[in-house]
């Protein structure tokens, strides 16, 4: 299954830390993450945040970019983040393919 990096960014005004309405969306999204990932056949490898830069990074395996878009809508992340979704390759896989590893 292809791997993707999802970079999300929101403004300070729409940050869950400082906006109660968005905090409720964040809580709802956290509760829906596993169910939505299963629904869209997504394997979340990791998710990280840089709090005061208002950034969230995901590394996922997914059948398509549209599956990730649906996941972001289902969880509510898309309602307060701009998202960049890029298909990537794991460095280990590239190394194996080119005989480096």
Protein backbone atom coordinates (compact mmCIF):
# COMPACT_ATOMS: atom_id res chain seq x y z
CA UNK A 1 0.00 0.00 0.00
CA UNK A 2 1.39 3.47 -0.81
CA UNK A 3 2.77 5.66 1.99
CA UNK A 4 1.90 9.31 2.43
CA UNK A 5 3.03 12.24 4.55
CA UNK A 6 0.20 14.54 5.59
CA UNK A 7 1.25 18.02 6.72
CA UNK A 8 -1.49 20.06 8.35
CA UNK A 9 -1.36 23.66 9.50
CA UNK A 10 -3.87 25.89 11.24
CA UNK A 11 -3.84 29.48 12.44
CA UNK A 12 -3.38 30.50 16.07
CA UNK A 13 -7.02 31.63 16.03
CA UNK A 14 -8.22 28.18 14.97
CA UNK A 15 -5.88 26.29 17.30
CA UNK A 16 -7.63 23.86 19.64
CA UNK A 17 -5.43 25.14 22.47
CA UNK A 18 -6.95 28.62 22.19
CA UNK A 19 -10.37 28.08 20.64
CA UNK A 20 -13.05 26.16 22.55
CA UNK A 21 -15.16 25.43 19.45
CA UNK A 22 -12.17 23.91 17.69
CA UNK A 23 -11.16 22.05 20.86
CA UNK A 24 -14.52 20.28 20.74
CA UNK A 25 -13.88 19.35 17.08
CA UNK A 26 -10.42 18.12 18.08
CA UNK A 27 -11.86 15.95 20.86
CA UNK A 28 -14.47 14.51 18.48
CA UNK A 29 -11.77 13.81 15.90
CA UNK A 30 -9.56 12.07 18.44
CA UNK A 31 -12.47 9.80 19.35
CA UNK A 32 -13.12 8.97 15.66
CA UNK A 33 -9.52 8.36 14.53
CA UNK A 34 -9.37 4.58 14.79
CA UNK A 35 -12.86 3.93 13.44
CA UNK A 36 -12.31 6.28 10.50
CA UNK A 37 -8.89 4.80 9.72
CA UNK A 38 -10.44 1.33 9.53
CA UNK A 39 -13.33 2.63 7.42
CA UNK A 40 -10.92 4.11 4.85
CA UNK A 41 -8.31 1.31 5.07
CA UNK A 42 -5.65 3.65 6.47
CA UNK A 43 -2.75 2.57 8.65
CA UNK A 44 -1.55 5.53 10.74
CA UNK A 45 2.15 4.94 11.33
CA UNK A 46 2.69 8.04 13.43
CA UNK A 47 1.21 11.45 14.17
CA UNK A 48 3.17 14.36 15.64
CA UNK A 49 2.49 17.99 16.49
CA UNK A 50 4.59 21.13 16.82
CA UNK A 51 2.27 22.96 19.19
CA UNK A 52 3.16 26.62 18.89
CA UNK A 53 3.90 26.37 15.17
CA UNK A 54 0.37 24.98 14.76
CA UNK A 55 1.58 22.01 12.70
CA UNK A 56 0.43 18.38 12.67
CA UNK A 57 2.28 15.68 10.74
CA UNK A 58 0.96 12.24 9.89
CA UNK A 59 2.72 9.33 8.19
CA UNK A 60 0.18 6.86 6.87
CA UNK A 61 -0.28 3.97 4.51
CA UNK A 62 -3.44 4.35 2.46
CA UNK A 63 -4.97 3.05 -0.74
CA UNK A 64 -5.19 6.57 -2.22
CA UNK A 65 -5.02 10.28 -1.57
CA UNK A 66 -8.81 10.47 -1.72
CA UNK A 67 -9.02 7.93 1.14
CA UNK A 68 -6.88 10.25 3.25
CA UNK A 69 -9.03 13.24 2.30
CA UNK A 70 -12.13 11.35 3.44
CA UNK A 71 -10.37 10.40 6.68
CA UNK A 72 -9.49 14.06 7.33
CA UNK A 73 -13.09 15.08 6.71
CA UNK A 74 -14.52 12.27 8.88
CA UNK A 75 -12.27 13.10 11.81
CA UNK A 76 -12.87 16.83 11.47
CA UNK A 77 -9.16 17.62 10.99
CA UNK A 78 -9.99 19.20 7.62
CA UNK A 79 -12.35 21.68 9.28
CA UNK A 80 -9.53 23.59 10.98
CA UNK A 81 -6.37 22.60 9.07
CA UNK A 82 -5.04 23.16 5.59
CA UNK A 83 -3.56 19.82 4.50
CA UNK A 84 -0.81 18.86 2.09
CA UNK A 85 -0.81 15.18 1.16
CA UNK A 86 2.26 13.74 -0.53
CA UNK A 87 2.96 10.18 -1.60
CA UNK A 88 6.37 9.15 -0.28
CA UNK A 89 8.69 6.16 -0.21
CA UNK A 90 10.40 4.82 2.87
CA UNK A 91 14.15 5.35 2.67
CA UNK A 92 14.74 1.69 3.52
CA UNK A 93 12.65 0.62 0.52
CA UNK A 94 14.55 2.97 -1.80
CA UNK A 95 17.85 1.62 -0.45
CA UNK A 96 16.76 -1.96 -1.09
CA UNK A 97 15.51 -1.17 -4.58
CA UNK A 98 18.84 0.40 -5.55
CA UNK A 99 20.99 -2.21 -3.84
CA UNK A 100 22.29 0.09 -1.11
CA UNK A 101 20.79 -1.98 1.70
